[in-house]
Every structure is written in C-alpha cells, then in structure tokens.
Amino acid sequence: MKKAKKTKAPLCDAVRKLRTALGESQQAFAYRMKTAIRTIARYEASTPPKGKALAELFWVAADTGNAELANVFRGALVGEIGVVGKFTQLGALASHTVPGIHADLAVMLNDFKNGSDAPEVKIAKAIERLERIVPEMDKLNFYLPKPAAKETE
C-alpha cells in the first residue's frame, strides 16, 4: 500500500520560489537569511517559517521586487501574530497616501527634467516637496514589520 504524499504548505513553496527567483543555492540563501542550510531545506520541504523568519522573508521579497511572494509572507505573518487591524489600516492609508506621494514625486521629477528654474530653485522646490512626502511615508512605515538589522560590510 502506498503512503499518501504529504502536501507542502504554501509557505514552503513560497520560500523555494523566492530562493530560485533570486538565483541562489540553498547555501547562498541561508547565508543571506543568516541561518543554517538545513533550516532553509526544512522551510522548503516540510516546516514553514514562523515569526522573525517570516518577517525577514517578507523584507527580502519586498526589497528584491517579488511583491507576490512578499504578500504571501506578509499574510502568514499577519495570521501568526494577529495584526489584521494594523494591516487593514495600512491598506486604507496606502490607498489614500501612495497616489499622493507618487504624484508629488512625478511632479518633482518633471521639474528637474523640464523646469526652466535655476538649479538652486529646483533644489529648493524639491526639498520643500520631500519635506511634505517624508511624513506621509513614515505613516505607512509605522504599520509594517521592521526588518532585522543588517550588518554593514
């Protein structure tokens, strides 16, 4: 009689997909994640990551442009630590704030490229605009899990 094949958790697949999207071996990915190769192998094969590892995977995925995988890790983290309220707030805040930030940055870029003002005036306008944008971005960052401190070379 054949044993039923154990199905892998979606998080296990997400870890493998992130590693392969980065073009890394398990060893290189373990180094990036500051963990053992066996841990990465377990994450991919049978035991989904939890807690701090989920947060770190979220940040690696987000920082490398893997938004779909970042959402998988974020969803698992939300489910694990129960911060649905904060992420719901983040969604509402982001839907209002991000388009405004994008518009401000687009105007600033256009002014730099095509504006007829003197360079000093362009810089002054950019600083003024950035001073408005940064507090809005800080509101968004308040709700996201913080990445683990990275060592500098």
Protein backbone atom coordinates (compact mmCIF):
# COMPACT_ATOMS: atom_id res chain seq x y z
CA MET A 1 0.00 0.00 0.00
CA LYS A 2 1.38 3.39 -0.99
CA LYS A 3 1.66 6.14 1.57
CA ALA A 4 -0.15 9.36 0.76
CA LYS A 5 2.27 12.05 -0.25
CA LYS A 6 2.45 14.80 2.32
CA THR A 7 1.39 18.09 0.76
CA LYS A 8 3.68 21.03 1.34
CA ALA A 9 2.40 24.19 2.90
CA PRO A 10 2.11 27.16 0.53
CA LEU A 11 4.77 28.90 2.63
CA CYS A 12 7.23 26.11 1.87
CA ASP A 13 6.68 26.68 -1.84
CA ALA A 14 7.00 30.44 -1.36
CA VAL A 15 10.41 30.05 0.30
CA ARG A 16 11.63 27.88 -2.58
CA LYS A 17 10.19 30.27 -5.18
CA LEU A 18 11.88 33.26 -3.54
CA ARG A 19 15.22 31.47 -3.39
CA THR A 20 15.03 30.37 -7.03
CA ALA A 21 13.81 33.82 -8.14
CA LEU A 22 16.97 35.23 -6.59
CA GLY A 23 19.01 32.59 -8.42
CA GLU A 24 20.56 31.36 -5.19
CA SER A 25 21.53 27.95 -3.92
CA GLN A 26 20.22 26.85 -0.53
CA GLN A 27 23.67 27.66 0.85
CA ALA A 28 23.70 31.21 -0.55
CA PHE A 29 20.12 31.80 0.56
CA ALA A 30 20.92 30.51 4.05
CA TYR A 31 23.81 32.96 4.20
CA ARG A 32 21.52 35.82 3.11
CA MET A 33 18.97 34.80 5.75
CA LYS A 34 21.67 34.32 8.40
CA THR A 35 20.57 30.77 9.13
CA ALA A 36 21.66 27.18 8.53
CA ILE A 37 21.29 25.39 5.20
CA ARG A 38 19.24 22.69 7.00
CA THR A 39 16.80 25.36 8.13
CA ILE A 40 16.27 26.54 4.55
CA ALA A 41 15.88 22.91 3.41
CA ARG A 42 13.24 22.35 6.13
CA TYR A 43 11.44 25.58 5.20
CA GLU A 44 11.25 24.39 1.59
CA ALA A 45 10.35 20.75 2.29
CA SER A 46 8.18 20.44 5.36
CA THR A 47 8.27 23.06 8.11
CA PRO A 48 7.08 26.55 7.17
CA PRO A 49 8.96 29.51 8.65
CA LYS A 50 7.48 31.42 11.57
CA GLY A 51 7.91 34.69 13.43
CA LYS A 52 11.14 36.56 12.80
CA ALA A 53 11.97 34.35 9.80
CA LEU A 54 8.65 35.28 8.16
CA ALA A 55 9.34 38.97 8.70
CA GLU A 56 12.82 38.62 7.21
CA LEU A 57 11.46 36.67 4.22
CA PHE A 58 8.87 39.40 3.72
CA TRP A 59 11.59 42.07 3.62
CA VAL A 60 13.85 40.08 1.31
CA ALA A 61 10.95 39.51 -1.10
CA ALA A 62 9.83 43.14 -0.93
CA ASP A 63 13.36 44.52 -1.30
CA THR A 64 14.03 42.36 -4.36
CA GLY A 65 10.79 43.23 -6.15
CA ASN A 66 8.98 39.94 -5.50
CA ALA A 67 5.70 41.56 -4.47
CA GLU A 68 3.57 38.43 -4.86
CA LEU A 69 5.83 36.43 -2.55
CA ALA A 70 6.11 39.36 -0.15
CA ASN A 71 2.32 39.28 0.14
CA VAL A 72 2.40 35.54 0.91
CA PHE A 73 4.89 36.11 3.74
CA ARG A 74 3.05 39.18 4.99
CA GLY A 75 -0.24 37.27 5.05
CA ALA A 76 1.32 34.43 7.04
CA LEU A 77 2.87 36.91 9.46
CA VAL A 78 -0.44 38.68 9.92
CA GLY A 79 -2.16 35.35 10.57
CA GLU A 80 0.50 34.34 13.05
CA ILE A 81 0.73 37.47 15.14
CA GLY A 82 -2.80 38.72 14.64
CA VAL A 83 -2.21 42.25 13.42
CA VAL A 84 -5.01 42.27 10.91
CA GLY A 85 -6.27 45.58 12.24
CA LYS A 86 -2.97 47.31 11.62
CA PHE A 87 -2.66 45.91 8.11
CA THR A 88 -6.24 46.88 7.35
CA GLN A 89 -5.36 50.39 8.48
CA LEU A 90 -2.24 50.25 6.32
CA GLY A 91 -4.31 49.29 3.26
CA ALA A 92 -6.69 52.17 3.79
CA LEU A 93 -3.87 54.58 4.47
CA ALA A 94 -1.83 53.36 1.50
CA SER A 95 -4.74 53.65 -0.91
CA HIS A 96 -5.02 57.30 0.06
CA THR A 97 -1.35 58.17 0.61
CA VAL A 98 0.60 56.31 -2.09
CA PRO A 99 -1.07 58.03 -5.08
CA GLY A 100 -0.35 61.42 -3.49
CA ILE A 101 3.29 60.53 -2.88
CA HIS A 102 3.57 59.23 -6.44
CA ALA A 103 2.09 62.43 -7.84
CA ASP A 104 4.47 64.59 -5.78
CA LEU A 105 7.48 62.57 -6.95
CA ALA A 106 6.33 62.70 -10.59
CA VAL A 107 5.97 66.49 -10.43
CA MET A 108 9.38 66.80 -8.79
CA LEU A 109 10.99 64.62 -11.47
CA ASN A 110 9.32 66.62 -14.23
CA ASP A 111 10.52 69.88 -12.66
CA PHE A 112 14.08 68.55 -12.55
CA LYS A 113 13.99 67.35 -16.15
CA ASN A 114 12.00 70.08 -17.84
CA GLY A 115 11.72 73.03 -15.46
CA SER A 116 13.11 76.38 -16.52
CA ASP A 117 14.09 77.47 -12.99
CA ALA A 118 17.68 77.85 -11.92
CA PRO A 119 19.20 74.71 -10.34
CA GLU A 120 19.11 76.32 -6.88
CA VAL A 121 15.35 76.96 -7.23
CA LYS A 122 14.76 73.39 -8.46
CA ILE A 123 16.60 72.04 -5.43
CA ALA A 124 14.67 74.30 -3.04
CA LYS A 125 11.35 73.15 -4.56
CA ALA A 126 12.43 69.51 -4.34
CA ILE A 127 13.38 69.89 -0.67
CA GLU A 128 10.03 71.52 0.08
CA ARG A 129 8.16 68.70 -1.65
CA LEU A 130 10.23 66.00 0.06
CA GLU A 131 9.55 67.58 3.43
CA ARG A 132 5.84 67.00 2.72
CA ILE A 133 6.33 63.47 1.40
CA VAL A 134 8.54 62.00 4.15
CA PRO A 135 5.95 62.30 6.97
CA GLU A 136 3.38 60.59 4.74
CA MET A 137 5.80 57.73 4.09
CA ASP A 138 6.55 57.50 7.81
CA LYS A 139 2.83 56.91 8.43
CA LEU A 140 2.98 53.90 6.12
CA ASN A 141 6.18 52.55 7.68
CA PHE A 142 4.63 52.66 11.15
CA TYR A 143 2.37 49.72 10.29
CA LEU A 144 4.89 47.46 8.56
CA PRO A 145 7.04 44.93 10.41
CA LYS A 146 10.56 46.23 10.84
CA PRO A 147 13.38 44.37 9.04
CA ALA A 148 16.10 42.68 11.05
CA ALA A 149 19.19 44.83 11.42
CA LYS A 150 21.61 44.16 8.61
CA GLU A 151 25.35 44.06 9.11
CA THR A 152 27.35 46.55 7.08
CA GLU A 153 30.49 45.48 5.32
